[in-house]
Amino acid sequence: MTNLQALSLTPRDLNNVTILKSHGLSLVEVKISQVSFAKGHLLNNIPLPENTRVVCVLRNGKAIVELDAVFLEEKDSIYLITDDEETVRQAFII
């Protein structure tokens, strides 16, 4: 199975996202850009709102789930579950 196949959404995945939404939660993707404040910072040092959890970081097509010592790089995609999407996005932009 290729990395792209592993990331394909199934009907069950879409149902799970719908369930999150019905509870006031969102699955959020944030991409680290060249000018992102978070670039080069330890993920654990990025202040996130309450009720927010990082699910994984995708880097070069591979998922990182051991998040304790991840320094964020340009082009990383961070996947989070939160009830405060706007604040999450701002945490990685500013």
PDB file of N, CA and C in Angstrom:
ATOM      1  N   MET A   1       0.848  -1.178   0.000  1.00  0.00           N
ATOM      2  CA  MET A   1       0.000   0.000   0.000  1.00  0.00           C
ATOM      3  C   MET A   1       0.895   1.244   0.000  1.00  0.00           C
ATOM      4  N   THR A   2       0.647   2.179  -0.904  1.00  0.00           N
ATOM      5  CA  THR A   2       1.424   3.415  -0.947  1.00  0.00           C
ATOM      6  C   THR A   2       0.925   4.372   0.120  1.00  0.00           C
ATOM      7  N   ASN A   3       1.735   5.404   0.403  1.00  0.00           N
ATOM      8  CA  ASN A   3       1.330   6.406   1.387  1.00  0.00           C
ATOM      9  C   ASN A   3       0.047   7.098   0.969  1.00  0.00           C
ATOM     10  N   LEU A   4      -0.134   7.342  -0.344  1.00  0.00           N
ATOM     11  CA  LEU A   4      -1.355   7.994  -0.795  1.00  0.00           C
ATOM     12  C   LEU A   4      -2.571   7.115  -0.564  1.00  0.00           C
ATOM     13  N   GLN A   5      -2.423   5.821  -0.774  1.00  0.00           N
ATOM     14  CA  GLN A   5      -3.543   4.920  -0.515  1.00  0.00           C
ATOM     15  C   GLN A   5      -3.888   4.921   0.967  1.00  0.00           C
ATOM     16  N   ALA A   6      -2.891   4.962   1.809  1.00  0.00           N
ATOM     17  CA  ALA A   6      -3.125   4.946   3.249  1.00  0.00           C
ATOM     18  C   ALA A   6      -3.860   6.202   3.698  1.00  0.00           C
ATOM     19  N   LEU A   7      -3.732   7.312   2.952  1.00  0.00           N
ATOM     20  CA  LEU A   7      -4.355   8.571   3.344  1.00  0.00           C
ATOM     21  C   LEU A   7      -5.715   8.796   2.701  1.00  0.00           C
ATOM     22  N   SER A   8      -6.172   7.884   1.856  1.00  0.00           N
ATOM     23  CA  SER A   8      -7.472   8.024   1.203  1.00  0.00           C
ATOM     24  C   SER A   8      -8.599   7.943   2.230  1.00  0.00           C
ATOM     25  N   LEU A   9      -9.597   8.801   2.042  1.00  0.00           N
ATOM     26  CA  LEU A   9     -10.742   8.797   2.946  1.00  0.00           C
ATOM     27  C   LEU A   9     -11.755   7.754   2.504  1.00  0.00           C
ATOM     28  N   THR A  10     -12.240   7.017   3.458  1.00  0.00           N
ATOM     29  CA  THR A  10     -13.305   6.045   3.212  1.00  0.00           C
ATOM     30  C   THR A  10     -14.623   6.648   3.693  1.00  0.00           C
ATOM     31  N   PRO A  11     -15.752   6.047   3.336  1.00  0.00           N
ATOM     32  CA  PRO A  11     -17.029   6.536   3.876  1.00  0.00           C
ATOM     33  C   PRO A  11     -17.039   6.558   5.405  1.00  0.00           C
ATOM     34  N   ARG A  12     -16.372   5.599   6.033  1.00  0.00           N
ATOM     35  CA  ARG A  12     -16.315   5.589   7.498  1.00  0.00           C
ATOM     36  C   ARG A  12     -15.541   6.803   8.026  1.00  0.00           C
ATOM     37  N   ASP A  13     -14.435   7.150   7.344  1.00  0.00           N
ATOM     38  CA  ASP A  13     -13.670   8.340   7.742  1.00  0.00           C
ATOM     39  C   ASP A  13     -14.544   9.587   7.663  1.00  0.00           C
ATOM     40  N   LEU A  14     -15.278   9.726   6.565  1.00  0.00           N
ATOM     41  CA  LEU A  14     -16.150  10.878   6.406  1.00  0.00           C
ATOM     42  C   LEU A  14     -17.226  10.906   7.479  1.00  0.00           C
ATOM     43  N   ASN A  15     -17.739   9.737   7.850  1.00  0.00           N
ATOM     44  CA  ASN A  15     -18.718   9.650   8.925  1.00  0.00           C
ATOM     45  C   ASN A  15     -18.101  10.109  10.240  1.00  0.00           C
ATOM     46  N   ASN A  16     -16.860   9.707  10.499  1.00  0.00           N
ATOM     47  CA  ASN A  16     -16.187  10.119  11.736  1.00  0.00           C
ATOM     48  C   ASN A  16     -16.005  11.630  11.796  1.00  0.00           C
ATOM     49  N   VAL A  17     -15.674  12.263  10.655  1.00  0.00           N
ATOM     50  CA  VAL A  17     -15.547  13.717  10.616  1.00  0.00           C
ATOM     51  C   VAL A  17     -16.903  14.364  10.899  1.00  0.00           C
ATOM     52  N   THR A  18     -17.963  13.800  10.353  1.00  0.00           N
ATOM     53  CA  THR A  18     -19.313  14.314  10.607  1.00  0.00           C
ATOM     54  C   THR A  18     -19.661  14.202  12.087  1.00  0.00           C
ATOM     55  N   ILE A  19     -19.293  13.102  12.704  1.00  0.00           N
ATOM     56  CA  ILE A  19     -19.546  12.922  14.139  1.00  0.00           C
ATOM     57  C   ILE A  19     -18.789  13.975  14.943  1.00  0.00           C
ATOM     58  N   LEU A  20     -17.530  14.228  14.587  1.00  0.00           N
ATOM     59  CA  LEU A  20     -16.762  15.276  15.268  1.00  0.00           C
ATOM     60  C   LEU A  20     -17.489  16.612  15.166  1.00  0.00           C
ATOM     61  N   LYS A  21     -17.930  16.950  13.958  1.00  0.00           N
ATOM     62  CA  LYS A  21     -18.628  18.226  13.739  1.00  0.00           C
ATOM     63  C   LYS A  21     -19.883  18.324  14.599  1.00  0.00           C
ATOM     64  N   SER A  22     -20.610  17.217  14.741  1.00  0.00           N
ATOM     65  CA  SER A  22     -21.843  17.247  15.526  1.00  0.00           C
ATOM     66  C   SER A  22     -21.567  17.482  17.008  1.00  0.00           C
ATOM     67  N   HIS A  23     -20.316  17.299  17.426  1.00  0.00           N
ATOM     68  CA  HIS A  23     -19.910  17.555  18.810  1.00  0.00           C
ATOM     69  C   HIS A  23     -19.126  18.861  18.934  1.00  0.00           C
ATOM     70  N   GLY A  24     -19.165  19.680  17.883  1.00  0.00           N
ATOM     71  CA  GLY A  24     -18.497  20.977  17.928  1.00  0.00           C
ATOM     72  C   GLY A  24     -16.999  20.913  17.684  1.00  0.00           C
ATOM     73  N   LEU A  25     -16.519  19.806  17.143  1.00  0.00           N
ATOM     74  CA  LEU A  25     -15.090  19.642  16.890  1.00  0.00           C
ATOM     75  C   LEU A  25     -14.805  19.659  15.396  1.00  0.00           C
ATOM     76  N   SER A  26     -13.577  20.011  15.048  1.00  0.00           N
ATOM     77  CA  SER A  26     -13.144  20.006  13.660  1.00  0.00           C
ATOM     78  C   SER A  26     -11.825  19.266  13.544  1.00  0.00           C
ATOM     79  N   LEU A  27     -11.649  18.580  12.429  1.00  0.00           N
ATOM     80  CA  LEU A  27     -10.359  18.022  12.069  1.00  0.00           C
ATOM     81  C   LEU A  27      -9.695  19.069  11.197  1.00  0.00           C
ATOM     82  N   VAL A  28      -8.560  19.590  11.637  1.00  0.00           N
ATOM     83  CA  VAL A  28      -7.915  20.730  10.994  1.00  0.00           C
ATOM     84  C   VAL A  28      -6.549  20.311  10.464  1.00  0.00           C
ATOM     85  N   GLU A  29      -6.240  20.758   9.255  1.00  0.00           N
ATOM     86  CA  GLU A  29      -4.910  20.594   8.697  1.00  0.00           C
ATOM     87  C   GLU A  29      -4.260  21.964   8.636  1.00  0.00           C
ATOM     88  N   VAL A  30      -3.038  22.063   9.158  1.00  0.00           N
ATOM     89  CA  VAL A  30      -2.269  23.292   9.077  1.00  0.00           C
ATOM     90  C   VAL A  30      -0.954  22.952   8.392  1.00  0.00           C
ATOM     91  N   LYS A  31      -0.625  23.717   7.341  1.00  0.00           N
ATOM     92  CA  LYS A  31       0.635  23.493   6.631  1.00  0.00           C
ATOM     93  C   LYS A  31       1.643  24.557   7.060  1.00  0.00           C
ATOM     94  N   ILE A  32       2.855  24.104   7.321  1.00  0.00           N
ATOM     95  CA  ILE A  32       3.912  25.029   7.720  1.00  0.00           C
ATOM     96  C   ILE A  32       4.527  25.636   6.462  1.00  0.00           C
ATOM     97  N   SER A  33       4.454  26.954   6.380  1.00  0.00           N
ATOM     98  CA  SER A  33       4.990  27.651   5.217  1.00  0.00           C
ATOM     99  C   SER A  33       6.393  28.176   5.524  1.00  0.00           C
ATOM    100  N   GLN A  34       6.993  28.740   4.505  1.00  0.00           N
ATOM    101  CA  GLN A  34       8.336  29.300   4.636  1.00  0.00           C
ATOM    102  C   GLN A  34       8.376  30.417   5.669  1.00  0.00           C
ATOM    103  N   VAL A  35       7.274  31.142   5.825  1.00  0.00           N
ATOM    104  CA  VAL A  35       7.248  32.286   6.741  1.00  0.00           C
ATOM    105  C   VAL A  35       6.492  32.000   8.046  1.00  0.00           C
ATOM    106  N   SER A  36       6.109  30.755   8.256  1.00  0.00           N
ATOM    107  CA  SER A  36       5.354  30.403   9.458  1.00  0.00           C
ATOM    108  C   SER A  36       6.189  30.599  10.720  1.00  0.00           C
ATOM    109  N   PHE A  37       5.558  31.177  11.721  1.00  0.00           N
ATOM    110  CA  PHE A  37       6.194  31.337  13.028  1.00  0.00           C
ATOM    111  C   PHE A  37       6.667  29.993  13.577  1.00  0.00           C
ATOM    112  N   ALA A  38       5.906  28.957  13.334  1.00  0.00           N
ATOM    113  CA  ALA A  38       6.167  27.645  13.935  1.00  0.00           C
ATOM    114  C   ALA A  38       7.346  26.916  13.298  1.00  0.00           C
ATOM    115  N   LYS A  39       7.755  27.324  12.111  1.00  0.00           N
ATOM    116  CA  LYS A  39       8.865  26.654  11.418  1.00  0.00           C
ATOM    117  C   LYS A  39      10.118  26.680  12.294  1.00  0.00           C
ATOM    118  N   GLY A  40      10.689  25.498  12.530  1.00  0.00           N
ATOM    119  CA  GLY A  40      11.889  25.383  13.351  1.00  0.00           C
ATOM    120  C   GLY A  40      11.634  25.250  14.839  1.00  0.00           C
ATOM    121  N   HIS A  41      10.376  25.366  15.249  1.00  0.00           N
ATOM    122  CA  HIS A  41      10.032  25.263  16.667  1.00  0.00           C
ATOM    123  C   HIS A  41       9.605  23.838  17.026  1.00  0.00           C
ATOM    124  N   LEU A  42       9.806  23.490  18.264  1.00  0.00           N
ATOM    125  CA  LEU A  42       9.345  22.223  18.805  1.00  0.00           C
ATOM    126  C   LEU A  42       7.820  22.256  18.870  1.00  0.00           C
ATOM    127  N   LEU A  43       7.183  21.243  18.314  1.00  0.00           N
ATOM    128  CA  LEU A  43       5.724  21.190  18.289  1.00  0.00           C
ATOM    129  C   LEU A  43       5.129  21.376  19.681  1.00  0.00           C
ATOM    130  N   ASN A  44       5.720  20.738  20.670  1.00  0.00           N
ATOM    131  CA  ASN A  44       5.187  20.825  22.041  1.00  0.00           C
ATOM    132  C   ASN A  44       5.266  22.234  22.622  1.00  0.00           C
ATOM    133  N   ASN A  45       6.063  23.123  22.006  1.00  0.00           N
ATOM    134  CA  ASN A  45       6.176  24.494  22.510  1.00  0.00           C
ATOM    135  C   ASN A  45       5.199  25.461  21.847  1.00  0.00           C
ATOM    136  N   ILE A  46       4.418  24.983  20.897  1.00  0.00           N
ATOM    137  CA  ILE A  46       3.427  25.833  20.242  1.00  0.00           C
ATOM    138  C   ILE A  46       2.197  25.897  21.141  1.00  0.00           C
ATOM    139  N   PRO A  47       1.813  27.104  21.579  1.00  0.00           N
ATOM    140  CA  PRO A  47       0.642  27.207  22.457  1.00  0.00           C
ATOM    141  C   PRO A  47      -0.645  26.934  21.683  1.00  0.00           C
ATOM    142  N   LEU A  48      -1.378  25.943  22.129  1.00  0.00           N
ATOM    143  CA  LEU A  48      -2.635  25.560  21.491  1.00  0.00           C
ATOM    144  C   LEU A  48      -3.790  25.787  22.453  1.00  0.00           C
ATOM    145  N   PRO A  49      -4.971  26.060  21.912  1.00  0.00           N
ATOM    146  CA  PRO A  49      -6.122  26.255  22.793  1.00  0.00           C
ATOM    147  C   PRO A  49      -6.503  24.968  23.517  1.00  0.00           C
ATOM    148  N   GLU A  50      -7.222  25.153  24.609  1.00  0.00           N
ATOM    149  CA  GLU A  50      -7.766  24.015  25.344  1.00  0.00           C
ATOM    150  C   GLU A  50      -8.641  23.202  24.395  1.00  0.00           C
ATOM    151  N   ASN A  51      -8.807  21.944  24.662  1.00  0.00           N
ATOM    152  CA  ASN A  51      -9.616  21.042  23.838  1.00  0.00           C
ATOM    153  C   ASN A  51      -9.055  20.880  22.425  1.00  0.00           C
ATOM    154  N   THR A  52      -7.732  20.896  22.319  1.00  0.00           N
ATOM    155  CA  THR A  52      -7.056  20.696  21.035  1.00  0.00           C
ATOM    156  C   THR A  52      -6.013  19.615  21.196  1.00  0.00           C
ATOM    157  N   ARG A  53      -5.991  18.678  20.255  1.00  0.00           N
ATOM    158  CA  ARG A  53      -5.008  17.604  20.274  1.00  0.00           C
ATOM    159  C   ARG A  53      -4.405  17.444  18.891  1.00  0.00           C
ATOM    160  N   VAL A  54      -3.082  17.314  18.838  1.00  0.00           N
ATOM    161  CA  VAL A  54      -2.409  17.021  17.581  1.00  0.00           C
ATOM    162  C   VAL A  54      -2.546  15.525  17.335  1.00  0.00           C
ATOM    163  N   VAL A  55      -2.993  15.176  16.137  1.00  0.00           N
ATOM    164  CA  VAL A  55      -3.165  13.779  15.762  1.00  0.00           C
ATOM    165  C   VAL A  55      -1.884  13.238  15.159  1.00  0.00           C
ATOM    166  N   CYS A  56      -1.322  13.968  14.197  1.00  0.00           N
ATOM    167  CA  CYS A  56      -0.067  13.552  13.577  1.00  0.00           C
ATOM    168  C   CYS A  56       0.517  14.695  12.770  1.00  0.00           C
ATOM    169  N   VAL A  57       1.769  14.517  12.386  1.00  0.00           N
ATOM    170  CA  VAL A  57       2.449  15.422  11.470  1.00  0.00           C
ATOM    171  C   VAL A  57       2.812  14.598  10.246  1.00  0.00           C
ATOM    172  N   LEU A  58       2.496  15.123   9.062  1.00  0.00           N
ATOM    173  CA  LEU A  58       2.925  14.470   7.829  1.00  0.00           C
ATOM    174  C   LEU A  58       4.138  15.208   7.299  1.00  0.00           C
ATOM    175  N   ARG A  59       5.191  14.456   7.034  1.00  0.00           N
ATOM    176  CA  ARG A  59       6.425  15.032   6.501  1.00  0.00           C
ATOM    177  C   ARG A  59       6.925  14.128   5.378  1.00  0.00           C
ATOM    178  N   ASN A  60       7.082  14.697   4.216  1.00  0.00           N
ATOM    179  CA  ASN A  60       7.580  13.941   3.056  1.00  0.00           C
ATOM    180  C   ASN A  60       6.778  12.666   2.824  1.00  0.00           C
ATOM    181  N   GLY A  61       5.466  12.752   2.993  1.00  0.00           N
ATOM    182  CA  GLY A  61       4.595  11.617   2.727  1.00  0.00           C
ATOM    183  C   GLY A  61       4.555  10.570   3.821  1.00  0.00           C
ATOM    184  N   LYS A  62       5.191  10.831   4.962  1.00  0.00           N
ATOM    185  CA  LYS A  62       5.196   9.868   6.067  1.00  0.00           C
ATOM    186  C   LYS A  62       4.579  10.493   7.309  1.00  0.00           C
ATOM    187  N   ALA A  63       3.783   9.699   8.012  1.00  0.00           N
ATOM    188  CA  ALA A  63       3.127  10.167   9.234  1.00  0.00           C
ATOM    189  C   ALA A  63       4.067  10.033  10.421  1.00  0.00           C
ATOM    190  N   ILE A  64       4.127  11.087  11.218  1.00  0.00           N
ATOM    191  CA  ILE A  64       4.860  11.080  12.486  1.00  0.00           C
ATOM    192  C   ILE A  64       3.808  11.113  13.581  1.00  0.00           C
ATOM    193  N   VAL A  65       3.767  10.078  14.401  1.00  0.00           N
ATOM    194  CA  VAL A  65       2.783  10.039  15.487  1.00  0.00           C
ATOM    195  C   VAL A  65       3.440  10.153  16.862  1.00  0.00           C
ATOM    196  N   GLU A  66       4.732   9.929  16.926  1.00  0.00           N
ATOM    197  CA  GLU A  66       5.491  10.174  18.157  1.00  0.00           C
ATOM    198  C   GLU A  66       5.863  11.648  18.145  1.00  0.00           C
ATOM    199  N   LEU A  67       5.105  12.473  18.853  1.00  0.00           N
ATOM    200  CA  LEU A  67       5.170  13.917  18.701  1.00  0.00           C
ATOM    201  C   LEU A  67       5.996  14.642  19.756  1.00  0.00           C
ATOM    202  N   ASP A  68       6.621  13.911  20.672  1.00  0.00           N
ATOM    203  CA  ASP A  68       7.313  14.551  21.782  1.00  0.00           C
ATOM    204  C   ASP A  68       8.497  15.418  21.368  1.00  0.00           C
ATOM    205  N   ALA A  69       9.209  15.050  20.313  1.00  0.00           N
ATOM    206  CA  ALA A  69      10.423  15.784  19.947  1.00  0.00           C
ATOM    207  C   ALA A  69      10.421  16.186  18.475  1.00  0.00           C
ATOM    208  N   VAL A  70       9.275  16.640  17.979  1.00  0.00           N
ATOM    209  CA  VAL A  70       9.162  17.013  16.571  1.00  0.00           C
ATOM    210  C   VAL A  70       9.419  18.513  16.421  1.00  0.00           C
ATOM    211  N   PHE A  71      10.467  18.836  15.678  1.00  0.00           N
ATOM    212  CA  PHE A  71      10.715  20.215  15.284  1.00  0.00           C
ATOM    213  C   PHE A  71      10.052  20.409  13.923  1.00  0.00           C
ATOM    214  N   LEU A  72       9.210  21.426  13.826  1.00  0.00           N
ATOM    215  CA  LEU A  72       8.424  21.626  12.618  1.00  0.00           C
ATOM    216  C   LEU A  72       9.277  22.180  11.485  1.00  0.00           C
ATOM    217  N   GLU A  73       9.033  21.638  10.294  1.00  0.00           N
ATOM    218  CA  GLU A  73       9.761  22.037   9.105  1.00  0.00           C
ATOM    219  C   GLU A  73       8.795  22.582   8.067  1.00  0.00           C
ATOM    220  N   GLU A  74       9.333  23.408   7.160  1.00  0.00           N
ATOM    221  CA  GLU A  74       8.541  23.903   6.049  1.00  0.00           C
ATOM    222  C   GLU A  74       7.948  22.724   5.283  1.00  0.00           C
ATOM    223  N   LYS A  75       6.724  22.853   4.890  1.00  0.00           N
ATOM    224  CA  LYS A  75       5.943  21.860   4.148  1.00  0.00           C
ATOM    225  C   LYS A  75       5.373  20.745   5.025  1.00  0.00           C
ATOM    226  N   ASP A  76       5.638  20.754   6.326  1.00  0.00           N
ATOM    227  CA  ASP A  76       4.966  19.803   7.219  1.00  0.00           C
ATOM    228  C   ASP A  76       3.469  20.123   7.222  1.00  0.00           C
ATOM    229  N   SER A  77       2.656  19.088   7.346  1.00  0.00           N
ATOM    230  CA  SER A  77       1.220  19.251   7.554  1.00  0.00           C
ATOM    231  C   SER A  77       0.900  18.703   8.936  1.00  0.00           C
ATOM    232  N   ILE A  78       0.265  19.524   9.764  1.00  0.00           N
ATOM    233  CA  ILE A  78      -0.110  19.107  11.114  1.00  0.00           C
ATOM    234  C   ILE A  78      -1.611  18.874  11.119  1.00  0.00           C
ATOM    235  N   TYR A  79      -2.036  17.743  11.649  1.00  0.00           N
ATOM    236  CA  TYR A  79      -3.460  17.408  11.749  1.00  0.00           C
ATOM    237  C   TYR A  79      -3.856  17.446  13.213  1.00  0.00           C
ATOM    238  N   LEU A  80      -4.914  18.208  13.490  1.00  0.00           N
ATOM    239  CA  LEU A  80      -5.372  18.418  14.860  1.00  0.00           C
ATOM    240  C   LEU A  80      -6.879  18.242  14.936  1.00  0.00           C
ATOM    241  N   ILE A  81      -7.346  17.915  16.131  1.00  0.00           N
ATOM    242  CA  ILE A  81      -8.776  17.940  16.438  1.00  0.00           C
ATOM    243  C   ILE A  81      -8.966  19.043  17.462  1.00  0.00           C
ATOM    244  N   THR A  82      -9.945  19.924  17.208  1.00  0.00           N
ATOM    245  CA  THR A  82     -10.134  21.079  18.072  1.00  0.00           C
ATOM    246  C   THR A  82     -11.567  21.580  18.036  1.00  0.00           C
ATOM    247  N   ASP A  83     -11.910  22.370  19.029  1.00  0.00           N
ATOM    248  CA  ASP A  83     -13.193  23.081  19.010  1.00  0.00           C
ATOM    249  C   ASP A  83     -12.972  24.571  18.750  1.00  0.00           C
ATOM    250  N   ASP A  84     -11.724  24.952  18.403  1.00  0.00           N
ATOM    251  CA  ASP A  84     -11.374  26.356  18.177  1.00  0.00           C
ATOM    252  C   ASP A  84     -10.436  26.451  16.967  1.00  0.00           C
ATOM    253  N   GLU A  85     -10.992  26.202  15.789  1.00  0.00           N
ATOM    254  CA  GLU A  85     -10.192  26.119  14.562  1.00  0.00           C
ATOM    255  C   GLU A  85      -9.425  27.409  14.271  1.00  0.00           C
ATOM    256  N   GLU A  86     -10.045  28.544  14.438  1.00  0.00           N
ATOM    257  CA  GLU A  86      -9.390  29.812  14.107  1.00  0.00           C
ATOM    258  C   GLU A  86      -8.157  30.056  14.981  1.00  0.00           C
ATOM    259  N   THR A  87      -8.258  29.818  16.280  1.00  0.00           N
ATOM    260  CA  THR A  87      -7.122  30.015  17.176  1.00  0.00           C
ATOM    261  C   THR A  87      -6.000  29.045  16.840  1.00  0.00           C
ATOM    262  N   VAL A  88      -6.354  27.814  16.482  1.00  0.00           N
ATOM    263  CA  VAL A  88      -5.337  26.822  16.090  1.00  0.00           C
ATOM    264  C   VAL A  88      -4.571  27.328  14.877  1.00  0.00           C
ATOM    265  N   ARG A  89      -5.284  27.797  13.872  1.00  0.00           N
ATOM    266  CA  ARG A  89      -4.618  28.271  12.653  1.00  0.00           C
ATOM    267  C   ARG A  89      -3.709  29.456  12.970  1.00  0.00           C
ATOM    268  N   GLN A  90      -4.164  30.358  13.820  1.00  0.00           N
ATOM    269  CA  GLN A  90      -3.357  31.510  14.184  1.00  0.00           C
ATOM    270  C   GLN A  90      -2.083  31.107  14.946  1.00  0.00           C
ATOM    271  N   ALA A  91      -2.158  30.051  15.729  1.00  0.00           N
ATOM    272  CA  ALA A  91      -0.995  29.607  16.511  1.00  0.00           C
ATOM    273  C   ALA A  91       0.173  29.222  15.609  1.00  0.00           C
ATOM    274  N   PHE A  92      -0.116  28.776  14.412  1.00  0.00           N
ATOM    275  CA  PHE A  92       0.947  28.352  13.511  1.00  0.00           C
ATOM    276  C   PHE A  92       1.333  29.430  12.498  1.00  0.00           C
ATOM    277  N   ILE A  93       0.538  30.474  12.378  1.00  0.00           N
ATOM    278  CA  ILE A  93       0.805  31.524  11.400  1.00  0.00           C
ATOM    279  C   ILE A  93       1.613  32.653  12.006  1.00  0.00           C
ATOM    280  N   ILE A  94       1.214  33.101  13.167  1.00  0.00           N
ATOM    281  CA  ILE A  94       1.808  34.299  13.793  1.00  0.00           C
ATOM    282  C   ILE A  94       3.251  34.052  14.143  1.00  0.00           C
TER     283      ILE A  94
END
